[in-house]
Amino acid sequence: MHEPLYSLAYFSRNRITGGSAELQRQILQILDSARRRNAACGVTGALLFSNGCFAQVLEGPRDDVEAVFETIQCDVRHSDMTVLHLHPVAPRSFGAWSMAFGGIVGVSHNPGLAADGMHDADGILATAAGQNLLLALCDVVHRDDLALRDEAAPT
């Protein structure tokens, strides 16, 4: 009997500092680590990033998804974690990806980041449900990024 699959989606604030080059280096490091670790434990998913925040979906056996998420929660590059959902799924929405990537502001222009990721929600090999979830996460990320810009704008 197969273990049931779970989907966990979360949103977090970016705490990477040090400019564009450091940001790209850190995102590449996150993706490399996630792709190796996730492939080894049967977790798939997608990561969206803007300068202000991360949004990610993880799918797989519940224990493995929770273990990956626990690692992410301990990562100092994230703060203010908000779990959007944790529930059973069938089938996977991102089964073709150990970790797809979509950069929203600037970072995705680095070919090393986009080479095996996605350029937009339509470009990812995902189910319709997965594409809808990505679009919803993109909306959350965009709204948060706009709010951060508004806060930083001089009054």
C-alpha atoms as a PDB file:
ATOM      1  CA  MET A   1       0.000   0.000   0.000  1.00  0.00           C
ATOM      2  CA  HIS A   2       1.313   3.448  -0.954  1.00  0.00           C
ATOM      3  CA  GLU A   3       1.655   6.223   1.576  1.00  0.00           C
ATOM      4  CA  PRO A   4      -0.830   9.043   0.962  1.00  0.00           C
ATOM      5  CA  LEU A   5       0.645  12.192  -0.584  1.00  0.00           C
ATOM      6  CA  TYR A   6       0.423  15.562   1.141  1.00  0.00           C
ATOM      7  CA  SER A   7       0.813  19.106  -0.111  1.00  0.00           C
ATOM      8  CA  LEU A   8       2.217  21.848   2.097  1.00  0.00           C
ATOM      9  CA  ALA A   9       2.291  25.465   0.915  1.00  0.00           C
ATOM     10  CA  TYR A  10       3.934  28.275   2.858  1.00  0.00           C
ATOM     11  CA  PHE A  11       4.929  31.892   2.549  1.00  0.00           C
ATOM     12  CA  SER A  12       7.974  33.475   4.244  1.00  0.00           C
ATOM     13  CA  ARG A  13       9.968  36.692   4.303  1.00  0.00           C
ATOM     14  CA  ASN A  14      13.359  36.812   2.608  1.00  0.00           C
ATOM     15  CA  ARG A  15      16.224  37.545   5.004  1.00  0.00           C
ATOM     16  CA  ILE A  16      19.095  37.245   2.495  1.00  0.00           C
ATOM     17  CA  THR A  17      21.309  40.336   2.565  1.00  0.00           C
ATOM     18  CA  GLY A  18      24.342  41.423   0.577  1.00  0.00           C
ATOM     19  CA  GLY A  19      23.156  42.643  -2.812  1.00  0.00           C
ATOM     20  CA  SER A  20      22.130  41.024  -6.076  1.00  0.00           C
ATOM     21  CA  ALA A  21      25.164  38.748  -6.540  1.00  0.00           C
ATOM     22  CA  GLU A  22      24.844  37.353  -3.019  1.00  0.00           C
ATOM     23  CA  LEU A  23      21.112  36.943  -3.468  1.00  0.00           C
ATOM     24  CA  GLN A  24      21.608  34.923  -6.649  1.00  0.00           C
ATOM     25  CA  ARG A  25      24.332  32.824  -4.994  1.00  0.00           C
ATOM     26  CA  GLN A  26      22.083  32.027  -2.032  1.00  0.00           C
ATOM     27  CA  ILE A  27      19.071  31.166  -4.231  1.00  0.00           C
ATOM     28  CA  LEU A  28      21.261  28.833  -6.319  1.00  0.00           C
ATOM     29  CA  GLN A  29      22.426  27.212  -3.072  1.00  0.00           C
ATOM     30  CA  ILE A  30      18.828  26.782  -1.861  1.00  0.00           C
ATOM     31  CA  LEU A  31      17.782  25.219  -5.174  1.00  0.00           C
ATOM     32  CA  ASP A  32      20.781  22.884  -5.393  1.00  0.00           C
ATOM     33  CA  SER A  33      20.245  21.632  -1.850  1.00  0.00           C
ATOM     34  CA  ALA A  34      16.457  21.306  -2.262  1.00  0.00           C
ATOM     35  CA  ARG A  35      16.727  19.415  -5.543  1.00  0.00           C
ATOM     36  CA  ARG A  36      19.199  16.885  -4.132  1.00  0.00           C
ATOM     37  CA  ARG A  37      17.400  16.409  -0.802  1.00  0.00           C
ATOM     38  CA  ASN A  38      13.920  16.302  -2.296  1.00  0.00           C
ATOM     39  CA  ALA A  39      14.860  13.785  -4.996  1.00  0.00           C
ATOM     40  CA  ALA A  40      16.325  11.514  -2.326  1.00  0.00           C
ATOM     41  CA  CYS A  41      13.149  11.456  -0.224  1.00  0.00           C
ATOM     42  CA  GLY A  42      10.457  11.623  -2.909  1.00  0.00           C
ATOM     43  CA  VAL A  43       9.394  15.230  -2.331  1.00  0.00           C
ATOM     44  CA  THR A  44       8.446  17.414  -5.305  1.00  0.00           C
ATOM     45  CA  GLY A  45       7.389  21.043  -5.504  1.00  0.00           C
ATOM     46  CA  ALA A  46       7.854  24.578  -6.705  1.00  0.00           C
ATOM     47  CA  LEU A  47       9.510  27.656  -5.215  1.00  0.00           C
ATOM     48  CA  LEU A  48       8.573  31.228  -6.086  1.00  0.00           C
ATOM     49  CA  PHE A  49      10.780  34.124  -5.066  1.00  0.00           C
ATOM     50  CA  SER A  50      10.722  37.893  -5.099  1.00  0.00           C
ATOM     51  CA  ASN A  51      13.114  40.198  -3.320  1.00  0.00           C
ATOM     52  CA  GLY A  52      10.767  40.366  -0.366  1.00  0.00           C
ATOM     53  CA  CYS A  53       9.536  36.820   0.067  1.00  0.00           C
ATOM     54  CA  PHE A  54       9.405  33.136  -0.760  1.00  0.00           C
ATOM     55  CA  ALA A  55       6.336  31.040  -1.524  1.00  0.00           C
ATOM     56  CA  GLN A  56       6.726  27.293  -1.886  1.00  0.00           C
ATOM     57  CA  VAL A  57       4.710  24.132  -2.374  1.00  0.00           C
ATOM     58  CA  LEU A  58       6.069  20.771  -1.181  1.00  0.00           C
ATOM     59  CA  GLU A  59       4.458  17.411  -2.059  1.00  0.00           C
ATOM     60  CA  GLY A  60       5.190  13.901  -0.934  1.00  0.00           C
ATOM     61  CA  PRO A  61       4.718  11.531   1.998  1.00  0.00           C
ATOM     62  CA  ARG A  62       3.656  13.568   5.038  1.00  0.00           C
ATOM     63  CA  ASP A  63       6.672  12.683   7.194  1.00  0.00           C
ATOM     64  CA  ASP A  64       9.082  13.665   4.406  1.00  0.00           C
ATOM     65  CA  VAL A  65       7.228  16.897   3.613  1.00  0.00           C
ATOM     66  CA  GLU A  66       7.219  17.845   7.291  1.00  0.00           C
ATOM     67  CA  ALA A  67      10.939  17.006   7.636  1.00  0.00           C
ATOM     68  CA  VAL A  68      11.808  19.212   4.641  1.00  0.00           C
ATOM     69  CA  PHE A  69       9.623  22.010   6.001  1.00  0.00           C
ATOM     70  CA  GLU A  70      11.271  21.747   9.440  1.00  0.00           C
ATOM     71  CA  THR A  71      14.664  22.266   7.762  1.00  0.00           C
ATOM     72  CA  ILE A  72      13.305  25.323   5.949  1.00  0.00           C
ATOM     73  CA  GLN A  73      11.885  26.751   9.174  1.00  0.00           C
ATOM     74  CA  CYS A  74      15.367  26.565  10.727  1.00  0.00           C
ATOM     75  CA  ASP A  75      16.997  28.328   7.749  1.00  0.00           C
ATOM     76  CA  VAL A  76      18.020  31.885   8.701  1.00  0.00           C
ATOM     77  CA  ARG A  77      17.279  33.043   5.135  1.00  0.00           C
ATOM     78  CA  HIS A  78      13.547  32.803   6.013  1.00  0.00           C
ATOM     79  CA  SER A  79      11.422  34.477   8.663  1.00  0.00           C
ATOM     80  CA  ASP A  80       7.754  35.056   9.409  1.00  0.00           C
ATOM     81  CA  MET A  81       6.633  31.665   8.092  1.00  0.00           C
ATOM     82  CA  THR A  82       2.958  31.312   7.285  1.00  0.00           C
ATOM     83  CA  VAL A  83       1.588  27.879   6.384  1.00  0.00           C
ATOM     84  CA  LEU A  84      -1.086  28.304   3.733  1.00  0.00           C
ATOM     85  CA  HIS A  85      -2.197  24.667   3.684  1.00  0.00           C
ATOM     86  CA  LEU A  86      -1.277  21.099   4.586  1.00  0.00           C
ATOM     87  CA  HIS A  87      -3.642  18.497   3.157  1.00  0.00           C
ATOM     88  CA  PRO A  88      -3.746  15.209   1.247  1.00  0.00           C
ATOM     89  CA  VAL A  89      -3.403  15.368  -2.545  1.00  0.00           C
ATOM     90  CA  ALA A  90      -3.731  12.924  -5.399  1.00  0.00           C
ATOM     91  CA  PRO A  91      -2.084  13.142  -7.818  1.00  0.00           C
ATOM     92  CA  ARG A  92       0.973  15.358  -7.402  1.00  0.00           C
ATOM     93  CA  SER A  93       0.751  18.791  -8.984  1.00  0.00           C
ATOM     94  CA  PHE A  94       4.533  19.072  -9.465  1.00  0.00           C
ATOM     95  CA  GLY A  95       5.536  15.468 -10.036  1.00  0.00           C
ATOM     96  CA  ALA A  96       8.103  16.312 -12.716  1.00  0.00           C
ATOM     97  CA  TRP A  97      10.102  18.620 -10.434  1.00  0.00           C
ATOM     98  CA  SER A  98      12.222  17.937  -7.366  1.00  0.00           C
ATOM     99  CA  MET A  99      12.023  21.739  -7.064  1.00  0.00           C
ATOM    100  CA  ALA A 100      10.818  23.989  -9.869  1.00  0.00           C
ATOM    101  CA  PHE A 101      11.737  27.648  -9.535  1.00  0.00           C
ATOM    102  CA  GLY A 102      10.087  30.875 -10.550  1.00  0.00           C
ATOM    103  CA  GLY A 103      11.847  34.126  -9.818  1.00  0.00           C
ATOM    104  CA  ILE A 104       9.627  37.147  -9.907  1.00  0.00           C
ATOM    105  CA  VAL A 105      11.979  40.092  -9.541  1.00  0.00           C
ATOM    106  CA  GLY A 106      15.386  40.049 -11.193  1.00  0.00           C
ATOM    107  CA  VAL A 107      16.767  36.792  -9.869  1.00  0.00           C
ATOM    108  CA  SER A 108      15.255  34.602 -12.592  1.00  0.00           C
ATOM    109  CA  HIS A 109      17.370  36.383 -15.194  1.00  0.00           C
ATOM    110  CA  ASN A 110      20.358  34.320 -14.044  1.00  0.00           C
ATOM    111  CA  PRO A 111      20.504  31.328 -16.445  1.00  0.00           C
ATOM    112  CA  GLY A 112      21.760  29.092 -13.634  1.00  0.00           C
ATOM    113  CA  LEU A 113      18.570  29.706 -11.708  1.00  0.00           C
ATOM    114  CA  ALA A 114      16.110  29.326 -14.575  1.00  0.00           C
ATOM    115  CA  ALA A 115      17.841  26.491 -16.457  1.00  0.00           C
ATOM    116  CA  ASP A 116      15.672  23.738 -15.024  1.00  0.00           C
ATOM    117  CA  GLY A 117      13.002  25.892 -13.481  1.00  0.00           C
ATOM    118  CA  MET A 118      10.073  27.724 -14.911  1.00  0.00           C
ATOM    119  CA  HIS A 119       9.656  31.119 -16.452  1.00  0.00           C
ATOM    120  CA  ASP A 120       5.937  31.468 -15.716  1.00  0.00           C
ATOM    121  CA  ALA A 121       3.092  29.405 -14.344  1.00  0.00           C
ATOM    122  CA  ASP A 122       2.134  28.115 -17.809  1.00  0.00           C
ATOM    123  CA  GLY A 123       5.655  26.844 -18.440  1.00  0.00           C
ATOM    124  CA  ILE A 124       5.812  24.402 -15.560  1.00  0.00           C
ATOM    125  CA  LEU A 125       4.947  20.754 -16.101  1.00  0.00           C
ATOM    126  CA  ALA A 126       2.134  20.631 -13.597  1.00  0.00           C
ATOM    127  CA  THR A 127      -1.495  19.700 -13.330  1.00  0.00           C
ATOM    128  CA  ALA A 128      -4.174  22.336 -13.742  1.00  0.00           C
ATOM    129  CA  ALA A 129      -4.539  22.364  -9.946  1.00  0.00           C
ATOM    130  CA  GLY A 130      -0.802  22.995  -9.635  1.00  0.00           C
ATOM    131  CA  GLN A 131      -0.908  25.835 -12.129  1.00  0.00           C
ATOM    132  CA  ASN A 132      -3.835  27.401 -10.258  1.00  0.00           C
ATOM    133  CA  LEU A 133      -1.927  27.114  -6.986  1.00  0.00           C
ATOM    134  CA  LEU A 134       1.146  28.713  -8.558  1.00  0.00           C
ATOM    135  CA  LEU A 135      -0.957  31.572  -9.893  1.00  0.00           C
ATOM    136  CA  ALA A 136      -2.435  32.095  -6.430  1.00  0.00           C
ATOM    137  CA  LEU A 137       1.049  32.024  -4.847  1.00  0.00           C
ATOM    138  CA  CYS A 138       2.312  34.468  -7.489  1.00  0.00           C
ATOM    139  CA  ASP A 139      -0.520  36.802  -6.528  1.00  0.00           C
ATOM    140  CA  VAL A 140       0.391  36.552  -2.820  1.00  0.00           C
ATOM    141  CA  VAL A 141       4.062  37.211  -3.595  1.00  0.00           C
ATOM    142  CA  HIS A 142       3.274  40.178  -5.860  1.00  0.00           C
ATOM    143  CA  ARG A 143       0.937  41.764  -3.309  1.00  0.00           C
ATOM    144  CA  ASP A 144       3.532  41.341  -0.556  1.00  0.00           C
ATOM    145  CA  ASP A 145       6.296  42.766  -2.744  1.00  0.00           C
ATOM    146  CA  LEU A 146       4.141  45.806  -3.563  1.00  0.00           C
ATOM    147  CA  ALA A 147       3.389  46.308   0.133  1.00  0.00           C
ATOM    148  CA  LEU A 148       7.119  46.203   0.963  1.00  0.00           C
ATOM    149  CA  ARG A 149       7.843  48.774  -1.756  1.00  0.00           C
ATOM    150  CA  ASP A 150       5.064  51.024  -0.441  1.00  0.00           C
ATOM    151  CA  GLU A 151       6.521  50.786   3.079  1.00  0.00           C
ATOM    152  CA  ALA A 152       9.991  51.698   1.783  1.00  0.00           C
ATOM    153  CA  ALA A 153       8.778  54.602  -0.393  1.00  0.00           C
ATOM    154  CA  PRO A 154       9.391  58.069   0.996  1.00  0.00           C
ATOM    155  CA  THR A 155       6.258  59.836   2.159  1.00  0.00           C
END
